[in-house]
Amino acid sequence: MILRKLMPYLQDEIWIDVTEQLDGYYKNHIGKAPKSMITGPVLNYDVLESEELIEVRGIIVLRILVKWRGKK
């Protein structure tokens, strides 16, 4: 599933922490932002894994692991 299709199912007040899976064991942290601020090419990434919602200092955060799928 791509991130764009997952967004409507998420609550508006949560923050999304996006990490990209690169080749092998390497990961690239893209960033953390409120759901409303997540726009652009990152929405076309494939969602590999999402963790349960956690609360950090009063902010609800969803951690997502994504991978660039390229052109098909």
Protein backbone atom coordinates (compact mmCIF):
# COMPACT_ATOMS: atom_id res chain seq x y z
CA MET A 1 0.00 0.00 0.00
CA ILE A 2 1.30 3.47 -0.75
CA LEU A 3 1.35 6.17 1.90
CA ARG A 4 -1.21 8.29 0.01
CA LYS A 5 -3.84 5.54 0.42
CA LEU A 6 -3.08 5.16 4.14
CA MET A 7 -3.50 8.87 4.98
CA PRO A 8 -7.36 9.02 4.97
CA TYR A 9 -7.45 6.31 7.67
CA LEU A 10 -5.25 8.30 10.08
CA GLN A 11 -6.51 10.79 12.63
CA ASP A 12 -5.86 14.46 11.83
CA GLU A 13 -4.08 15.25 15.10
CA ILE A 14 -1.32 12.61 14.89
CA TRP A 15 2.27 13.14 13.82
CA ILE A 16 3.91 10.77 11.34
CA ASP A 17 7.55 9.70 11.73
CA VAL A 18 8.77 8.46 8.33
CA THR A 19 11.88 6.31 7.84
CA GLU A 20 13.01 5.02 4.43
CA GLN A 21 14.39 1.48 4.05
CA LEU A 22 17.45 1.52 1.83
CA ASP A 23 19.34 -1.52 0.55
CA GLY A 24 20.48 -3.94 3.22
CA TYR A 25 20.32 -2.84 6.84
CA TYR A 26 20.61 0.89 6.14
CA LYS A 27 17.73 3.22 6.95
CA ASN A 28 17.28 6.91 6.23
CA HIS A 29 15.17 8.97 8.63
CA ILE A 30 13.07 11.32 6.48
CA GLY A 31 11.46 13.19 9.35
CA LYS A 32 8.55 13.69 11.69
CA ALA A 33 5.66 16.07 11.01
CA PRO A 34 1.92 16.51 11.60
CA LYS A 35 -0.28 14.57 9.19
CA SER A 36 -1.43 17.77 7.48
CA MET A 37 2.18 18.69 6.62
CA ILE A 38 3.03 15.40 4.88
CA THR A 39 2.91 16.22 1.16
CA GLY A 40 4.89 15.71 -2.03
CA PRO A 41 6.77 12.71 -3.36
CA VAL A 42 6.90 10.92 0.00
CA LEU A 43 3.19 10.09 -0.44
CA ASN A 44 4.16 7.79 -3.34
CA TYR A 45 6.41 5.59 -1.20
CA ASP A 46 5.35 2.02 -0.39
CA VAL A 47 4.53 1.44 3.29
CA LEU A 48 6.51 -1.59 4.46
CA GLU A 49 5.67 -1.43 8.14
CA SER A 50 3.76 0.73 10.59
CA GLU A 51 3.96 0.49 14.33
CA GLU A 52 1.31 1.09 16.96
CA LEU A 53 0.54 4.66 17.95
CA ILE A 54 2.72 5.95 20.78
CA GLU A 55 2.42 9.09 22.87
CA VAL A 56 5.53 11.23 23.28
CA ARG A 57 5.25 14.36 25.45
CA GLY A 58 1.54 14.68 24.71
CA ILE A 59 1.89 14.13 20.95
CA ILE A 60 0.54 10.96 19.31
CA VAL A 61 3.12 9.57 16.87
CA LEU A 62 2.85 6.85 14.21
CA ARG A 63 6.18 5.44 13.05
CA ILE A 64 6.19 4.24 9.42
CA LEU A 65 8.86 2.42 7.43
CA VAL A 66 8.65 3.15 3.69
CA LYS A 67 10.54 2.26 0.52
CA TRP A 68 10.76 4.12 -2.77
CA ARG A 69 9.03 2.04 -5.45
CA GLY A 70 10.32 3.93 -8.47
CA LYS A 71 8.52 4.18 -11.78
CA LYS A 72 6.47 1.20 -12.94
